[in-house]
Amino acid sequence: MAKKTVASLQKAGKSLTKVIKMVKSEKTGAYSFREAIVPNDKVQDFLQKK
């Protein structure tokens, strides 16, 4: 499955990056992970927003 995702990212016209961000829950204090595939120029925006 991972190979299929990587292959589809390489075929796209834009260069994309898979970003994984660790987010702490305010209620329980547990950590969860938020994943997204974003264009390279939007990576910092994704990481900075809460």
C-alpha atoms as a PDB file:
ATOM      1  CA  MET A   1       0.000   0.000   0.000  1.00  0.00           C
ATOM      2  CA  ALA A   2       2.811   2.418   0.802  1.00  0.00           C
ATOM      3  CA  LYS A   3       4.452   1.752  -2.540  1.00  0.00           C
ATOM      4  CA  LYS A   4       1.199   2.557  -4.305  1.00  0.00           C
ATOM      5  CA  THR A   5       0.941   5.892  -2.469  1.00  0.00           C
ATOM      6  CA  VAL A   6       4.532   6.827  -3.259  1.00  0.00           C
ATOM      7  CA  ALA A   7       4.069   5.902  -6.913  1.00  0.00           C
ATOM      8  CA  SER A   8       0.953   8.073  -7.199  1.00  0.00           C
ATOM      9  CA  LEU A   9       2.756  11.014  -5.560  1.00  0.00           C
ATOM     10  CA  GLN A  10       5.570  10.804  -8.095  1.00  0.00           C
ATOM     11  CA  LYS A  11       3.163  10.866 -11.046  1.00  0.00           C
ATOM     12  CA  ALA A  12       1.492  14.097  -9.899  1.00  0.00           C
ATOM     13  CA  GLY A  13       2.498  17.310 -11.644  1.00  0.00           C
ATOM     14  CA  LYS A  14       3.205  19.146  -8.391  1.00  0.00           C
ATOM     15  CA  SER A  15       5.734  17.937  -5.879  1.00  0.00           C
ATOM     16  CA  LEU A  16       3.840  16.747  -2.805  1.00  0.00           C
ATOM     17  CA  THR A  17       4.922  15.769   0.681  1.00  0.00           C
ATOM     18  CA  LYS A  18       3.264  13.489   3.206  1.00  0.00           C
ATOM     19  CA  VAL A  19       3.278  15.310   6.549  1.00  0.00           C
ATOM     20  CA  ILE A  20       2.641  13.652   9.908  1.00  0.00           C
ATOM     21  CA  LYS A  21       1.999  15.918  12.894  1.00  0.00           C
ATOM     22  CA  MET A  22       1.717  14.824  16.521  1.00  0.00           C
ATOM     23  CA  VAL A  23      -1.169  16.565  18.325  1.00  0.00           C
ATOM     24  CA  LYS A  24      -1.827  16.476  22.076  1.00  0.00           C
ATOM     25  CA  SER A  25      -5.456  16.222  23.199  1.00  0.00           C
ATOM     26  CA  GLU A  26      -6.474  18.917  25.684  1.00  0.00           C
ATOM     27  CA  LYS A  27      -9.026  16.652  27.398  1.00  0.00           C
ATOM     28  CA  THR A  28      -7.016  13.480  27.976  1.00  0.00           C
ATOM     29  CA  GLY A  29      -3.428  14.567  27.396  1.00  0.00           C
ATOM     30  CA  ALA A  30      -2.941  11.689  24.954  1.00  0.00           C
ATOM     31  CA  TYR A  31      -1.147  12.185  21.668  1.00  0.00           C
ATOM     32  CA  SER A  32      -2.623  11.434  18.255  1.00  0.00           C
ATOM     33  CA  PHE A  33      -1.213  11.767  14.781  1.00  0.00           C
ATOM     34  CA  ARG A  34      -2.640  13.876  11.966  1.00  0.00           C
ATOM     35  CA  GLU A  35      -1.542  12.990   8.449  1.00  0.00           C
ATOM     36  CA  ALA A  36      -1.957  14.929   5.229  1.00  0.00           C
ATOM     37  CA  ILE A  37      -0.490  15.089   1.752  1.00  0.00           C
ATOM     38  CA  VAL A  38       0.253  18.716   0.961  1.00  0.00           C
ATOM     39  CA  PRO A  39       2.212  20.641  -1.688  1.00  0.00           C
ATOM     40  CA  ASN A  40       5.795  21.438  -0.709  1.00  0.00           C
ATOM     41  CA  ASP A  41       5.112  25.153  -0.342  1.00  0.00           C
ATOM     42  CA  LYS A  42       2.263  24.534   2.178  1.00  0.00           C
ATOM     43  CA  VAL A  43       4.173  22.249   4.586  1.00  0.00           C
ATOM     44  CA  GLN A  44       5.077  24.993   7.070  1.00  0.00           C
ATOM     45  CA  ASP A  45       1.482  26.277   7.086  1.00  0.00           C
ATOM     46  CA  PHE A  46       0.206  22.793   7.954  1.00  0.00           C
ATOM     47  CA  LEU A  47       2.722  22.359  10.760  1.00  0.00           C
ATOM     48  CA  GLN A  48       2.061  25.774  12.318  1.00  0.00           C
ATOM     49  CA  LYS A  49      -1.732  25.628  12.533  1.00  0.00           C
ATOM     50  CA  LYS A  50      -3.297  23.995  15.563  1.00  0.00           C
END
